[in-house]
N, C-alpha and C. Protein backbone atom coordinates (compact mmCIF):
# COMPACT_ATOMS: atom_id res chain seq x y z
N MET A 1 -116.62 -102.78 24.40
CA MET A 1 -116.80 -103.52 23.43
C MET A 1 -118.37 -103.68 23.29
N LYS A 2 -118.73 -103.37 21.93
CA LYS A 2 -120.16 -103.00 21.49
C LYS A 2 -120.70 -104.30 20.84
N ARG A 3 -119.92 -105.15 20.22
CA ARG A 3 -120.46 -106.21 19.35
C ARG A 3 -119.51 -107.38 19.59
N ILE A 4 -120.17 -108.59 19.70
CA ILE A 4 -119.47 -109.87 20.00
C ILE A 4 -119.86 -110.78 18.86
N LEU A 5 -118.95 -111.14 17.99
CA LEU A 5 -119.33 -112.16 16.89
C LEU A 5 -118.92 -113.50 17.38
N VAL A 6 -120.11 -114.45 17.45
CA VAL A 6 -119.87 -115.69 18.04
C VAL A 6 -120.26 -116.75 16.75
N PRO A 7 -119.31 -117.32 16.14
CA PRO A 7 -119.55 -118.32 15.34
C PRO A 7 -120.10 -119.68 15.79
N THR A 8 -120.92 -120.19 15.06
CA THR A 8 -121.41 -121.54 15.80
C THR A 8 -121.43 -122.64 14.71
N ASP A 9 -120.90 -123.81 15.12
CA ASP A 9 -121.10 -125.02 14.40
C ASP A 9 -122.41 -125.96 15.01
N PHE A 10 -123.04 -125.49 16.18
CA PHE A 10 -123.91 -125.99 16.79
C PHE A 10 -123.58 -127.32 17.67
N SER A 11 -122.21 -127.30 17.95
CA SER A 11 -121.74 -128.28 18.87
C SER A 11 -121.71 -127.80 20.32
N ASP A 12 -121.60 -128.69 21.21
CA ASP A 12 -121.44 -128.31 22.64
C ASP A 12 -120.41 -127.18 22.98
N HIS A 13 -119.36 -127.45 22.25
CA HIS A 13 -118.17 -126.35 22.54
C HIS A 13 -118.60 -124.89 21.97
N ALA A 14 -119.41 -124.91 20.86
CA ALA A 14 -119.80 -123.61 20.42
C ALA A 14 -120.85 -122.97 21.34
N GLU A 15 -121.88 -124.10 21.88
CA GLU A 15 -122.86 -123.26 22.70
C GLU A 15 -122.25 -122.85 24.02
N TYR A 16 -121.12 -123.55 24.37
CA TYR A 16 -120.34 -122.89 25.77
C TYR A 16 -119.83 -121.58 25.40
N ALA A 17 -119.17 -121.43 24.25
CA ALA A 17 -118.73 -120.00 23.81
C ALA A 17 -119.84 -119.09 23.78
N LEU A 18 -121.08 -119.35 23.24
CA LEU A 18 -122.19 -118.62 23.20
C LEU A 18 -122.64 -118.16 24.59
N LYS A 19 -122.62 -119.03 25.59
CA LYS A 19 -122.97 -118.78 26.97
C LYS A 19 -121.91 -117.80 27.53
N VAL A 20 -120.64 -118.12 27.29
CA VAL A 20 -119.53 -116.99 27.72
C VAL A 20 -119.75 -115.79 27.25
N ALA A 21 -120.04 -115.61 25.85
CA ALA A 21 -120.42 -114.49 25.28
C ALA A 21 -121.49 -113.66 25.88
N ALA A 22 -122.51 -114.51 26.18
CA ALA A 22 -123.59 -113.85 26.81
C ALA A 22 -123.38 -113.20 28.06
N GLN A 23 -122.56 -113.75 28.77
CA GLN A 23 -122.08 -113.20 30.15
C GLN A 23 -121.27 -112.03 29.99
N ILE A 24 -120.39 -112.09 29.06
CA ILE A 24 -119.67 -110.86 28.49
C ILE A 24 -120.38 -109.72 28.11
N ALA A 25 -121.42 -110.17 27.23
CA ALA A 25 -122.48 -109.02 26.59
C ALA A 25 -123.20 -108.44 27.75
N ARG A 26 -123.68 -109.31 28.70
CA ARG A 26 -124.58 -108.71 29.92
C ARG A 26 -123.74 -107.73 30.68
N GLU A 27 -122.42 -107.95 30.95
CA GLU A 27 -121.63 -107.18 31.84
C GLU A 27 -121.27 -106.04 31.19
N ASN A 28 -121.05 -105.95 29.61
CA ASN A 28 -120.62 -104.83 28.98
C ASN A 28 -121.63 -104.21 28.10
N ASP A 29 -123.00 -104.50 28.23
CA ASP A 29 -124.03 -104.11 27.44
C ASP A 29 -123.71 -104.08 25.90
N SER A 30 -123.25 -105.28 25.55
CA SER A 30 -122.99 -105.50 24.06
C SER A 30 -124.04 -106.34 23.24
N GLU A 31 -123.75 -106.19 22.02
CA GLU A 31 -124.71 -107.09 21.13
C GLU A 31 -124.05 -108.31 20.91
N ILE A 32 -124.77 -109.20 20.56
CA ILE A 32 -124.01 -110.58 19.99
C ILE A 32 -124.66 -110.94 18.67
N MET A 33 -123.69 -111.14 17.70
CA MET A 33 -124.09 -111.59 16.44
C MET A 33 -123.67 -113.02 16.32
N LEU A 34 -124.60 -113.88 16.26
CA LEU A 34 -124.53 -115.41 16.17
C LEU A 34 -124.71 -115.76 14.86
N VAL A 35 -123.49 -116.40 14.36
CA VAL A 35 -123.40 -116.67 12.71
C VAL A 35 -123.09 -118.11 12.64
N HIS A 36 -123.48 -118.68 11.63
CA HIS A 36 -123.14 -120.10 11.02
C HIS A 36 -122.76 -119.80 9.60
N MET A 37 -121.37 -120.30 9.40
CA MET A 37 -120.86 -120.23 8.00
C MET A 37 -121.20 -121.64 7.52
N LEU A 38 -121.93 -121.75 6.28
CA LEU A 38 -122.21 -122.81 5.45
C LEU A 38 -121.24 -122.84 4.30
N GLU A 39 -120.37 -123.78 4.48
CA GLU A 39 -119.54 -124.07 3.24
C GLU A 39 -120.17 -124.97 2.22
N LEU A 40 -119.90 -124.49 1.00
CA LEU A 40 -120.56 -125.31 -0.06
C LEU A 40 -119.45 -125.76 -1.08
N PRO A 41 -119.56 -126.77 -1.62
CA PRO A 41 -118.55 -127.17 -2.81
C PRO A 41 -118.69 -126.09 -3.85
N HIS A 42 -117.59 -125.82 -4.52
CA HIS A 42 -117.64 -124.85 -5.63
C HIS A 42 -118.93 -124.91 -6.59
N GLU A 43 -119.30 -126.02 -7.06
CA GLU A 43 -120.48 -126.21 -7.96
C GLU A 43 -121.57 -125.53 -7.24
N ALA A 44 -121.78 -125.91 -6.02
CA ALA A 44 -123.09 -125.33 -5.39
C ALA A 44 -122.95 -123.80 -5.14
N SER A 45 -121.83 -123.20 -4.96
CA SER A 45 -121.65 -121.73 -4.64
C SER A 45 -122.04 -121.27 -5.94
N ASP A 46 -121.81 -121.73 -7.05
CA ASP A 46 -122.16 -121.15 -8.51
C ASP A 46 -123.70 -121.12 -8.48
N ALA A 47 -124.33 -122.20 -7.85
CA ALA A 47 -125.76 -122.26 -8.12
C ALA A 47 -126.58 -121.08 -7.06
N VAL A 48 -125.72 -121.11 -6.01
CA VAL A 48 -126.40 -119.95 -5.06
C VAL A 48 -126.20 -118.56 -5.69
N GLY A 49 -125.04 -118.36 -6.38
CA GLY A 49 -124.94 -117.04 -6.99
C GLY A 49 -125.88 -116.72 -8.17
N SER A 50 -126.29 -117.90 -8.73
CA SER A 50 -127.04 -117.75 -9.92
C SER A 50 -128.85 -117.80 -9.37
N GLY A 51 -128.94 -117.96 -8.27
CA GLY A 51 -130.37 -117.94 -7.63
C GLY A 51 -130.95 -119.28 -7.88
N SER A 52 -130.25 -120.37 -8.22
CA SER A 52 -130.91 -121.74 -8.17
C SER A 52 -131.23 -122.41 -6.82
N ASP A 53 -132.13 -123.14 -6.85
CA ASP A 53 -132.56 -123.66 -5.44
C ASP A 53 -132.20 -125.27 -5.70
N ILE A 54 -131.00 -125.64 -5.49
CA ILE A 54 -130.61 -127.03 -5.26
C ILE A 54 -131.08 -127.50 -3.93
N PRO A 55 -131.73 -128.66 -3.99
CA PRO A 55 -132.51 -129.22 -2.96
C PRO A 55 -131.45 -129.42 -1.57
N GLU A 56 -130.42 -129.91 -1.76
CA GLU A 56 -129.34 -130.15 -0.85
C GLU A 56 -128.93 -128.87 -0.20
N ILE A 57 -128.70 -127.87 -0.86
CA ILE A 57 -128.35 -126.51 -0.31
C ILE A 57 -129.37 -126.06 0.63
N MET A 58 -130.76 -126.16 -0.01
CA MET A 58 -131.93 -125.43 0.85
C MET A 58 -132.02 -126.46 2.05
N PHE A 59 -131.88 -127.66 1.92
CA PHE A 59 -131.93 -128.56 3.17
C PHE A 59 -130.92 -127.98 4.27
N PHE A 60 -129.75 -127.75 3.93
CA PHE A 60 -128.57 -127.38 4.88
C PHE A 60 -128.79 -125.97 5.30
N LYS A 61 -129.30 -125.08 4.39
CA LYS A 61 -129.62 -123.86 4.83
C LYS A 61 -130.79 -123.68 5.65
N ASN A 62 -131.79 -124.50 5.58
CA ASN A 62 -132.99 -124.44 6.29
C ASN A 62 -132.70 -125.23 7.86
N LYS A 63 -131.83 -126.27 7.77
CA LYS A 63 -131.61 -126.78 8.96
C LYS A 63 -130.71 -125.79 9.94
N ALA A 64 -129.79 -125.08 9.29
CA ALA A 64 -129.03 -124.01 9.96
C ALA A 64 -129.73 -122.98 10.60
N ILE A 65 -130.86 -122.64 9.85
CA ILE A 65 -131.65 -121.51 10.26
C ILE A 65 -132.55 -122.02 11.51
N GLN A 66 -133.16 -123.14 11.34
CA GLN A 66 -133.72 -124.08 12.51
C GLN A 66 -132.84 -124.09 13.59
N ASN A 67 -131.65 -124.44 13.35
CA ASN A 67 -130.82 -124.57 14.62
C ASN A 67 -130.36 -123.26 15.42
N LEU A 68 -130.28 -122.23 14.38
CA LEU A 68 -130.06 -120.86 15.21
C LEU A 68 -131.21 -120.41 15.93
N ASP A 69 -132.47 -120.65 15.25
CA ASP A 69 -133.74 -120.24 15.87
C ASP A 69 -133.73 -121.03 17.42
N ASP A 70 -133.43 -122.32 17.45
CA ASP A 70 -133.46 -123.00 18.64
C ASP A 70 -132.55 -122.44 19.53
N LEU A 71 -131.41 -121.92 19.10
CA LEU A 71 -130.21 -121.33 19.92
C LEU A 71 -130.97 -120.00 20.48
N MET A 72 -131.56 -119.19 19.77
CA MET A 72 -131.99 -117.87 20.19
C MET A 72 -133.09 -117.91 21.28
N ASP A 73 -133.47 -119.27 21.43
CA ASP A 73 -134.77 -119.39 22.49
C ASP A 73 -134.02 -119.83 23.86
N ALA A 74 -132.76 -119.92 23.80
CA ALA A 74 -131.88 -120.32 25.11
C ALA A 74 -132.25 -119.16 26.14
N PRO A 75 -132.53 -119.69 27.47
CA PRO A 75 -132.76 -118.72 28.51
C PRO A 75 -131.61 -117.86 28.88
N TYR A 76 -130.46 -118.09 28.51
CA TYR A 76 -129.21 -117.32 28.81
C TYR A 76 -128.99 -116.12 27.96
N LEU A 77 -129.78 -116.06 27.00
CA LEU A 77 -129.86 -114.98 25.93
C LEU A 77 -130.81 -113.87 26.22
N ASP A 78 -131.85 -114.40 27.31
CA ASP A 78 -133.04 -113.42 27.75
C ASP A 78 -132.55 -111.93 28.03
N GLY A 79 -133.25 -110.96 27.27
CA GLY A 79 -132.79 -109.47 27.61
C GLY A 79 -131.54 -109.20 26.92
N LEU A 80 -131.00 -109.98 26.06
CA LEU A 80 -129.77 -109.55 25.35
C LEU A 80 -130.14 -109.18 23.92
N ASN A 81 -129.41 -108.08 23.32
CA ASN A 81 -129.64 -107.96 21.85
C ASN A 81 -128.81 -109.00 21.04
N VAL A 82 -129.54 -109.90 20.49
CA VAL A 82 -128.93 -110.98 19.61
C VAL A 82 -129.47 -111.16 18.29
N SER A 83 -128.50 -111.03 17.21
CA SER A 83 -128.81 -111.14 15.76
C SER A 83 -128.29 -112.45 15.31
N GLU A 84 -129.04 -113.01 14.36
CA GLU A 84 -128.39 -114.32 13.90
C GLU A 84 -128.21 -114.21 12.19
N ALA A 85 -127.35 -114.97 11.83
CA ALA A 85 -127.09 -114.92 10.28
C ALA A 85 -126.52 -116.31 9.84
N VAL A 86 -126.94 -116.62 8.57
CA VAL A 86 -126.30 -117.68 7.91
C VAL A 86 -125.53 -117.20 6.93
N HIS A 87 -124.23 -117.52 6.71
CA HIS A 87 -123.43 -116.94 5.52
C HIS A 87 -122.91 -118.23 4.69
N PHE A 88 -122.84 -118.09 3.36
CA PHE A 88 -122.21 -119.08 2.42
C PHE A 88 -120.78 -118.56 2.32
N SER A 89 -119.96 -119.38 3.12
CA SER A 89 -118.50 -119.04 3.00
C SER A 89 -117.67 -119.95 3.72
N LYS A 90 -116.43 -119.95 3.37
CA LYS A 90 -115.45 -120.85 4.26
C LYS A 90 -115.42 -120.28 5.36
N ALA A 91 -115.53 -121.08 6.61
CA ALA A 91 -115.56 -120.61 8.01
C ALA A 91 -114.45 -119.62 8.19
N SER A 92 -113.19 -119.84 7.97
CA SER A 92 -112.17 -119.07 8.42
C SER A 92 -112.15 -117.66 7.81
N GLU A 93 -112.43 -117.88 6.38
CA GLU A 93 -112.57 -116.50 5.77
C GLU A 93 -113.70 -115.85 5.99
N GLY A 94 -114.77 -116.32 6.00
CA GLY A 94 -116.05 -115.73 6.17
C GLY A 94 -116.19 -115.01 7.54
N ILE A 95 -115.58 -115.71 8.84
CA ILE A 95 -115.69 -114.98 10.07
C ILE A 95 -114.72 -113.86 10.12
N THR A 96 -113.60 -113.98 9.62
CA THR A 96 -112.80 -113.06 9.52
C THR A 96 -113.24 -111.79 8.85
N ALA A 97 -113.87 -112.02 7.66
CA ALA A 97 -114.39 -110.93 6.87
C ALA A 97 -115.60 -110.20 7.49
N LEU A 98 -116.41 -111.08 8.27
CA LEU A 98 -117.57 -110.55 8.83
C LEU A 98 -117.18 -109.68 10.02
N ALA A 99 -116.13 -110.20 10.78
CA ALA A 99 -115.75 -109.39 11.98
C ALA A 99 -115.11 -108.06 11.52
N LYS A 100 -114.36 -107.99 10.43
CA LYS A 100 -113.92 -106.82 10.07
C LYS A 100 -114.87 -105.78 9.48
N LYS A 101 -115.88 -106.30 8.83
CA LYS A 101 -117.03 -105.63 8.22
C LYS A 101 -117.90 -104.98 9.34
N THR A 102 -118.10 -105.71 10.36
CA THR A 102 -119.06 -105.20 11.50
C THR A 102 -118.34 -104.58 12.54
N ARG A 103 -116.91 -104.60 12.45
CA ARG A 103 -116.06 -104.21 13.63
C ARG A 103 -116.47 -104.91 14.87
N SER A 104 -116.48 -106.28 14.80
CA SER A 104 -116.96 -107.18 16.00
C SER A 104 -115.69 -107.76 16.61
N ARG A 105 -115.86 -107.97 18.02
CA ARG A 105 -114.88 -108.76 18.65
C ARG A 105 -115.05 -110.27 18.21
N PHE A 106 -114.17 -111.06 18.07
CA PHE A 106 -114.28 -112.38 17.56
C PHE A 106 -114.32 -113.27 18.94
N HIS A 107 -115.25 -114.12 19.22
CA HIS A 107 -115.33 -114.81 20.34
C HIS A 107 -115.47 -116.54 19.99
N ARG A 108 -114.76 -117.30 20.41
CA ARG A 108 -114.83 -118.70 20.05
C ARG A 108 -114.20 -119.60 21.23
N ASN A 109 -114.95 -120.55 21.61
CA ASN A 109 -114.42 -121.51 22.73
C ASN A 109 -114.05 -120.84 23.82
N GLY A 110 -114.80 -119.81 24.35
CA GLY A 110 -114.53 -119.20 25.66
C GLY A 110 -113.30 -118.18 25.53
N ILE A 111 -112.90 -117.86 24.34
CA ILE A 111 -111.80 -116.91 24.27
C ILE A 111 -112.28 -115.56 23.58
N THR A 112 -112.18 -114.48 24.05
CA THR A 112 -112.47 -113.36 23.18
C THR A 112 -111.39 -112.75 22.81
N TRP A 113 -111.15 -112.54 21.49
CA TRP A 113 -109.93 -111.78 20.87
C TRP A 113 -110.20 -110.22 21.00
N CYS A 114 -109.10 -109.56 21.72
CA CYS A 114 -109.24 -108.37 22.03
C CYS A 114 -108.93 -107.42 20.93
N GLU A 115 -108.03 -107.93 20.00
CA GLU A 115 -107.67 -107.06 18.75
C GLU A 115 -108.73 -107.24 17.73
N TRP A 116 -108.78 -106.29 16.77
CA TRP A 116 -109.71 -106.64 15.65
C TRP A 116 -109.14 -107.72 14.78
N VAL A 117 -109.91 -108.79 14.39
CA VAL A 117 -109.55 -109.69 13.80
C VAL A 117 -109.36 -109.20 12.19
């Protein structure tokens, strides 16, 4: 297992999944990809595509980045190769697409899916 994709919604359950992924990554010398999917209403996604800065979108995007940065400072991630990203997509579709694109294993709530998602 080279890459573990860990989606987060910043809940306690998501952090537990990240802790388990960190243990797996440490045991298998794997990389962790920590990702947050930011779902936007249809009108907002049109604005993102056109490059518009709608204040509400920027607020949620910046808050997600801040939360990811806080998670990256967690001591249980020390010494691990961890990347972070915020994607604008519906969670279920975006996570599946990202897992296929990066050929990552999908990890959520303490379960690592062994087949490619």
